[in-house]
């Protein structure tokens, strides 16, 4: 099992490794590159994503948004009892 933390001398990651580091699919990385949300470098046929670009993406993420946070519980009112 390989670590998602790159060695100190690495400055860019393959899309597969970037996807693993961000815990998303390779397809998500490809879509982000296609939409211009994530910059990538093409060297011949090889695609690399600079670590600085991944750091920018993570730091720009809205930290206040918590996915799956519990919602406030609504209390039901007791049924009305009519005295007769």
C-alpha atoms as a PDB file:
ATOM      1  CA  UNK A   1       0.000   0.000   0.000  1.00  0.00           C
ATOM      2  CA  UNK A   2       1.559   3.264  -1.091  1.00  0.00           C
ATOM      3  CA  UNK A   3       1.290   6.502   0.785  1.00  0.00           C
ATOM      4  CA  UNK A   4      -0.551   9.479  -0.706  1.00  0.00           C
ATOM      5  CA  UNK A   5       2.122  11.807   0.653  1.00  0.00           C
ATOM      6  CA  UNK A   6       4.695  12.314  -2.107  1.00  0.00           C
ATOM      7  CA  UNK A   7       8.443  12.148  -1.474  1.00  0.00           C
ATOM      8  CA  UNK A   8      10.110  15.540  -0.795  1.00  0.00           C
ATOM      9  CA  UNK A   9      11.631  15.822  -4.297  1.00  0.00           C
ATOM     10  CA  UNK A  10       8.300  15.365  -6.145  1.00  0.00           C
ATOM     11  CA  UNK A  11       6.702  18.577  -7.432  1.00  0.00           C
ATOM     12  CA  UNK A  12       3.814  17.117  -9.463  1.00  0.00           C
ATOM     13  CA  UNK A  13       1.565  14.060  -9.319  1.00  0.00           C
ATOM     14  CA  UNK A  14      -0.033  11.803 -11.888  1.00  0.00           C
ATOM     15  CA  UNK A  15      -3.822  12.185 -12.021  1.00  0.00           C
ATOM     16  CA  UNK A  16      -4.287   8.763 -10.372  1.00  0.00           C
ATOM     17  CA  UNK A  17      -2.111   9.757  -7.426  1.00  0.00           C
ATOM     18  CA  UNK A  18      -3.814  13.167  -7.151  1.00  0.00           C
ATOM     19  CA  UNK A  19      -7.209  11.434  -7.097  1.00  0.00           C
ATOM     20  CA  UNK A  20      -6.039   9.140  -4.319  1.00  0.00           C
ATOM     21  CA  UNK A  21      -4.617  12.071  -2.336  1.00  0.00           C
ATOM     22  CA  UNK A  22      -7.931  13.942  -2.581  1.00  0.00           C
ATOM     23  CA  UNK A  23     -10.032  10.799  -2.093  1.00  0.00           C
ATOM     24  CA  UNK A  24     -11.918  11.315  -5.351  1.00  0.00           C
ATOM     25  CA  UNK A  25     -12.099   9.310  -8.568  1.00  0.00           C
ATOM     26  CA  UNK A  26      -9.725   9.676 -11.497  1.00  0.00           C
ATOM     27  CA  UNK A  27     -12.737  10.755 -13.575  1.00  0.00           C
ATOM     28  CA  UNK A  28     -13.372  13.632 -11.159  1.00  0.00           C
ATOM     29  CA  UNK A  29      -9.785  14.819 -11.635  1.00  0.00           C
ATOM     30  CA  UNK A  30     -10.190  14.584 -15.433  1.00  0.00           C
ATOM     31  CA  UNK A  31     -13.425  16.612 -15.306  1.00  0.00           C
ATOM     32  CA  UNK A  32     -11.829  19.270 -13.096  1.00  0.00           C
ATOM     33  CA  UNK A  33      -8.932  19.596 -15.536  1.00  0.00           C
ATOM     34  CA  UNK A  34     -11.349  19.820 -18.498  1.00  0.00           C
ATOM     35  CA  UNK A  35     -13.397  22.555 -16.767  1.00  0.00           C
ATOM     36  CA  UNK A  36     -10.273  24.515 -15.877  1.00  0.00           C
ATOM     37  CA  UNK A  37     -10.765  24.082 -12.120  1.00  0.00           C
ATOM     38  CA  UNK A  38      -7.471  22.223 -11.796  1.00  0.00           C
ATOM     39  CA  UNK A  39      -4.354  23.152 -13.756  1.00  0.00           C
ATOM     40  CA  UNK A  40      -2.319  20.330 -15.264  1.00  0.00           C
ATOM     41  CA  UNK A  41       0.912  20.095 -17.229  1.00  0.00           C
ATOM     42  CA  UNK A  42       1.191  17.916 -20.314  1.00  0.00           C
ATOM     43  CA  UNK A  43       4.634  16.539 -21.132  1.00  0.00           C
ATOM     44  CA  UNK A  44       4.230  14.518 -24.296  1.00  0.00           C
ATOM     45  CA  UNK A  45       1.404  12.107 -23.462  1.00  0.00           C
ATOM     46  CA  UNK A  46       1.991  12.336 -19.722  1.00  0.00           C
ATOM     47  CA  UNK A  47      -0.227  14.550 -17.566  1.00  0.00           C
ATOM     48  CA  UNK A  48       1.015  15.897 -14.245  1.00  0.00           C
ATOM     49  CA  UNK A  49      -0.702  18.041 -11.633  1.00  0.00           C
ATOM     50  CA  UNK A  50       1.561  20.393  -9.647  1.00  0.00           C
ATOM     51  CA  UNK A  51       1.397  19.981  -5.877  1.00  0.00           C
ATOM     52  CA  UNK A  52       0.888  23.724  -5.581  1.00  0.00           C
ATOM     53  CA  UNK A  53      -2.305  23.331  -7.614  1.00  0.00           C
ATOM     54  CA  UNK A  54      -3.622  20.639  -5.281  1.00  0.00           C
ATOM     55  CA  UNK A  55      -2.778  22.801  -2.273  1.00  0.00           C
ATOM     56  CA  UNK A  56      -4.632  25.728  -3.870  1.00  0.00           C
ATOM     57  CA  UNK A  57      -7.664  23.546  -4.504  1.00  0.00           C
ATOM     58  CA  UNK A  58      -7.787  22.260  -0.931  1.00  0.00           C
ATOM     59  CA  UNK A  59      -7.220  25.685   0.629  1.00  0.00           C
ATOM     60  CA  UNK A  60      -9.997  27.189  -1.514  1.00  0.00           C
ATOM     61  CA  UNK A  61     -12.508  24.569  -0.354  1.00  0.00           C
ATOM     62  CA  UNK A  62     -15.274  25.983   1.835  1.00  0.00           C
ATOM     63  CA  UNK A  63     -14.221  24.730   5.254  1.00  0.00           C
ATOM     64  CA  UNK A  64     -17.480  25.716   6.882  1.00  0.00           C
ATOM     65  CA  UNK A  65     -19.482  23.291   4.767  1.00  0.00           C
ATOM     66  CA  UNK A  66     -19.776  19.999   6.603  1.00  0.00           C
ATOM     67  CA  UNK A  67     -21.196  17.232   4.494  1.00  0.00           C
ATOM     68  CA  UNK A  68     -23.540  14.914   6.289  1.00  0.00           C
ATOM     69  CA  UNK A  69     -24.001  17.156   9.305  1.00  0.00           C
ATOM     70  CA  UNK A  70     -27.046  16.237  11.354  1.00  0.00           C
ATOM     71  CA  UNK A  71     -30.025  18.472  10.833  1.00  0.00           C
ATOM     72  CA  UNK A  72     -31.924  20.073  13.657  1.00  0.00           C
ATOM     73  CA  UNK A  73     -34.560  17.726  14.961  1.00  0.00           C
ATOM     74  CA  UNK A  74     -38.087  19.055  14.696  1.00  0.00           C
ATOM     75  CA  UNK A  75     -40.261  18.247  17.635  1.00  0.00           C
ATOM     76  CA  UNK A  76     -43.775  17.167  16.939  1.00  0.00           C
ATOM     77  CA  UNK A  77     -46.484  18.845  18.855  1.00  0.00           C
ATOM     78  CA  UNK A  78     -48.656  16.724  21.045  1.00  0.00           C
ATOM     79  CA  UNK A  79     -52.068  16.112  19.478  1.00  0.00           C
ATOM     80  CA  UNK A  80     -54.817  18.429  20.649  1.00  0.00           C
ATOM     81  CA  UNK A  81     -57.215  16.888  23.083  1.00  0.00           C
ATOM     82  CA  UNK A  82     -60.660  18.269  23.072  1.00  0.00           C
ATOM     83  CA  UNK A  83     -62.468  17.974  26.368  1.00  0.00           C
ATOM     84  CA  UNK A  84     -66.091  17.182  25.893  1.00  0.00           C
END
